[in-house]
């Protein structure tokens, strides 16, 4: 049996990991936005802070994906 794997880019696994991370961040953001529907008023500030934190992580991850793409093309 012969097994072969082909990588189209040098950073294929890194890109895969970043895309997976981005997917998890989007899920986390969705959950935080859903929390706003039922969270107590005194807890909203905490949820807003978490939303800002996730938003920054999403932007950082997208920037890393773009950097990988630019390095390959």
N, C-alpha and C. Protein backbone atom coordinates (compact mmCIF):
# COMPACT_ATOMS: atom_id res chain seq x y z
N UNK A 1 0.84 -1.16 0.00
CA UNK A 1 0.00 0.00 0.00
C UNK A 1 0.90 1.24 0.00
N UNK A 2 0.57 2.19 -0.83
CA UNK A 2 1.31 3.44 -0.92
C UNK A 2 0.38 4.58 -0.53
N UNK A 3 0.89 5.44 0.33
CA UNK A 3 0.12 6.61 0.77
C UNK A 3 0.86 7.85 0.32
N UNK A 4 0.15 8.78 -0.26
CA UNK A 4 0.77 9.99 -0.77
C UNK A 4 -0.02 11.21 -0.31
N UNK A 5 0.68 12.21 0.14
CA UNK A 5 0.03 13.47 0.53
C UNK A 5 0.70 14.60 -0.26
N UNK A 6 -0.12 15.44 -0.81
CA UNK A 6 0.40 16.55 -1.60
C UNK A 6 0.02 17.86 -0.93
N UNK A 7 1.00 18.71 -0.72
CA UNK A 7 0.75 20.03 -0.14
C UNK A 7 0.95 21.06 -1.25
N UNK A 8 -0.07 21.84 -1.46
CA UNK A 8 0.00 22.84 -2.52
C UNK A 8 0.76 24.09 -2.10
N UNK A 9 0.88 24.29 -0.80
CA UNK A 9 1.60 25.44 -0.27
C UNK A 9 2.51 24.97 0.86
N UNK A 10 3.52 25.78 1.14
CA UNK A 10 4.44 25.43 2.23
C UNK A 10 3.73 25.44 3.58
N UNK A 11 2.77 26.31 3.76
CA UNK A 11 2.11 26.48 5.05
C UNK A 11 0.72 25.87 5.08
N UNK A 12 0.51 24.77 4.38
CA UNK A 12 -0.81 24.19 4.27
C UNK A 12 -1.38 23.82 5.64
N UNK A 13 -0.59 23.18 6.50
CA UNK A 13 -1.10 22.80 7.81
C UNK A 13 -1.34 24.02 8.68
N UNK A 14 -0.46 25.01 8.60
CA UNK A 14 -0.65 26.25 9.36
C UNK A 14 -1.95 26.94 8.95
N UNK A 15 -2.22 26.96 7.65
CA UNK A 15 -3.45 27.56 7.15
C UNK A 15 -4.65 26.76 7.64
N UNK A 16 -4.55 25.45 7.60
CA UNK A 16 -5.64 24.60 8.11
C UNK A 16 -5.93 24.92 9.57
N UNK A 17 -4.88 25.02 10.39
CA UNK A 17 -5.05 25.32 11.80
C UNK A 17 -5.68 26.69 12.01
N UNK A 18 -5.26 27.67 11.21
CA UNK A 18 -5.83 29.01 11.33
C UNK A 18 -7.30 29.03 10.93
N UNK A 19 -7.64 28.28 9.89
CA UNK A 19 -9.05 28.21 9.49
C UNK A 19 -9.89 27.53 10.56
N UNK A 20 -9.33 26.50 11.16
CA UNK A 20 -10.03 25.82 12.24
C UNK A 20 -10.21 26.75 13.43
N UNK A 21 -9.17 27.51 13.75
CA UNK A 21 -9.24 28.49 14.83
C UNK A 21 -10.30 29.55 14.52
N UNK A 22 -10.34 30.01 13.28
CA UNK A 22 -11.31 31.02 12.88
C UNK A 22 -12.74 30.48 13.03
N UNK A 23 -12.93 29.24 12.66
CA UNK A 23 -14.25 28.62 12.80
C UNK A 23 -14.67 28.58 14.27
N UNK A 24 -13.76 28.21 15.16
CA UNK A 24 -14.07 28.17 16.58
C UNK A 24 -14.36 29.57 17.12
N UNK A 25 -13.63 30.56 16.65
CA UNK A 25 -13.87 31.93 17.09
C UNK A 25 -15.26 32.41 16.66
N UNK A 26 -15.66 32.06 15.44
CA UNK A 26 -16.99 32.43 14.98
C UNK A 26 -18.08 31.77 15.83
N UNK A 27 -17.85 30.52 16.19
CA UNK A 27 -18.81 29.83 17.05
C UNK A 27 -18.88 30.51 18.42
N UNK A 28 -17.72 30.88 18.96
CA UNK A 28 -17.70 31.58 20.24
C UNK A 28 -18.42 32.92 20.15
N UNK A 29 -18.22 33.63 19.05
CA UNK A 29 -18.89 34.92 18.87
C UNK A 29 -20.40 34.71 18.80
N UNK A 30 -20.83 33.70 18.07
CA UNK A 30 -22.26 33.39 17.97
C UNK A 30 -22.85 33.15 19.36
N UNK A 31 -22.14 32.38 20.18
CA UNK A 31 -22.61 32.09 21.53
C UNK A 31 -22.69 33.36 22.38
N UNK A 32 -21.70 34.21 22.26
CA UNK A 32 -21.72 35.46 23.03
C UNK A 32 -22.88 36.35 22.60
N UNK A 33 -23.12 36.44 21.31
CA UNK A 33 -24.24 37.24 20.83
C UNK A 33 -25.57 36.65 21.30
N UNK A 34 -25.62 35.34 21.38
CA UNK A 34 -26.83 34.69 21.89
C UNK A 34 -27.02 34.98 23.38
N UNK A 35 -25.93 35.06 24.12
CA UNK A 35 -26.01 35.36 25.56
C UNK A 35 -26.66 36.70 25.81
N UNK A 36 -26.51 37.63 24.89
CA UNK A 36 -27.10 38.95 25.08
C UNK A 36 -28.62 38.90 25.18
N UNK A 37 -29.21 37.81 24.72
CA UNK A 37 -30.66 37.68 24.77
C UNK A 37 -31.17 37.37 26.18
N UNK A 38 -30.32 36.82 27.02
CA UNK A 38 -30.80 36.40 28.34
C UNK A 38 -29.92 36.81 29.52
N UNK A 39 -28.80 37.46 29.26
CA UNK A 39 -27.87 37.80 30.33
C UNK A 39 -28.46 38.91 31.22
N UNK A 40 -28.10 38.87 32.48
CA UNK A 40 -28.54 39.89 33.44
C UNK A 40 -27.87 41.23 33.10
N UNK A 41 -28.55 42.33 33.36
CA UNK A 41 -28.00 43.65 33.01
C UNK A 41 -26.59 43.90 33.56
N UNK A 42 -26.31 43.46 34.77
CA UNK A 42 -24.99 43.70 35.36
C UNK A 42 -23.90 42.84 34.71
N UNK A 43 -24.29 41.82 33.95
CA UNK A 43 -23.32 40.96 33.29
C UNK A 43 -23.06 41.37 31.84
N UNK A 44 -23.85 42.27 31.30
CA UNK A 44 -23.72 42.67 29.91
C UNK A 44 -22.34 43.24 29.61
N UNK A 45 -21.80 43.99 30.54
CA UNK A 45 -20.49 44.60 30.34
C UNK A 45 -19.44 43.52 30.10
N UNK A 46 -19.53 42.46 30.86
CA UNK A 46 -18.58 41.35 30.71
C UNK A 46 -18.73 40.71 29.33
N UNK A 47 -19.97 40.50 28.90
CA UNK A 47 -20.21 39.90 27.59
C UNK A 47 -19.69 40.83 26.49
N UNK A 48 -19.92 42.14 26.65
CA UNK A 48 -19.41 43.11 25.66
C UNK A 48 -17.88 43.04 25.57
N UNK A 49 -17.22 42.92 26.72
CA UNK A 49 -15.76 42.82 26.74
C UNK A 49 -15.30 41.55 26.03
N UNK A 50 -16.00 40.45 26.28
CA UNK A 50 -15.64 39.18 25.63
C UNK A 50 -15.87 39.26 24.13
N UNK A 51 -16.93 39.93 23.72
CA UNK A 51 -17.19 40.11 22.29
C UNK A 51 -16.05 40.90 21.65
N UNK A 52 -15.61 41.96 22.30
CA UNK A 52 -14.49 42.75 21.76
C UNK A 52 -13.23 41.91 21.66
N UNK A 53 -13.00 41.08 22.67
CA UNK A 53 -11.80 40.22 22.67
C UNK A 53 -11.86 39.21 21.52
N UNK A 54 -12.99 38.57 21.35
CA UNK A 54 -13.14 37.59 20.26
C UNK A 54 -13.04 38.29 18.91
N UNK A 55 -13.62 39.48 18.81
CA UNK A 55 -13.55 40.24 17.57
C UNK A 55 -12.09 40.53 17.18
N UNK A 56 -11.28 40.89 18.17
CA UNK A 56 -9.86 41.14 17.91
C UNK A 56 -9.14 39.86 17.50
N UNK A 57 -9.47 38.76 18.14
CA UNK A 57 -8.86 37.48 17.77
C UNK A 57 -9.24 37.08 16.36
N UNK A 58 -10.48 37.33 15.96
CA UNK A 58 -10.93 37.03 14.61
C UNK A 58 -10.12 37.86 13.61
N UNK A 59 -9.97 39.14 13.88
CA UNK A 59 -9.21 40.01 12.97
C UNK A 59 -7.75 39.55 12.88
N UNK A 60 -7.15 39.19 14.01
CA UNK A 60 -5.76 38.73 14.01
C UNK A 60 -5.61 37.44 13.18
N UNK A 61 -6.55 36.53 13.34
CA UNK A 61 -6.50 35.28 12.60
C UNK A 61 -6.67 35.51 11.11
N UNK A 62 -7.59 36.38 10.73
CA UNK A 62 -7.77 36.72 9.31
C UNK A 62 -6.50 37.34 8.76
N UNK A 63 -5.89 38.22 9.51
CA UNK A 63 -4.64 38.85 9.05
C UNK A 63 -3.54 37.80 8.84
N UNK A 64 -3.46 36.83 9.73
CA UNK A 64 -2.47 35.77 9.57
C UNK A 64 -2.75 34.93 8.33
N UNK A 65 -4.03 34.65 8.07
CA UNK A 65 -4.38 33.90 6.86
C UNK A 65 -4.01 34.68 5.60
N UNK A 66 -4.24 35.96 5.61
CA UNK A 66 -3.89 36.80 4.45
C UNK A 66 -2.37 36.83 4.28
N UNK A 67 -1.64 36.93 5.37
CA UNK A 67 -0.17 36.93 5.29
C UNK A 67 0.35 35.62 4.70
N UNK A 68 -0.21 34.49 5.13
CA UNK A 68 0.18 33.20 4.55
C UNK A 68 -0.12 33.16 3.05
N UNK A 69 -1.28 33.66 2.67
CA UNK A 69 -1.66 33.65 1.26
C UNK A 69 -0.72 34.54 0.45
N UNK A 70 -0.42 35.71 0.95
CA UNK A 70 0.47 36.63 0.24
C UNK A 70 1.88 36.06 0.12
N UNK A 71 2.30 35.33 1.12
CA UNK A 71 3.64 34.73 1.09
C UNK A 71 3.72 33.62 0.03
N UNK A 72 2.57 33.01 -0.28
CA UNK A 72 2.57 31.90 -1.24
C UNK A 72 2.29 32.33 -2.67
N UNK A 73 1.80 33.54 -2.86
CA UNK A 73 1.43 33.96 -4.21
C UNK A 73 2.11 35.23 -4.62
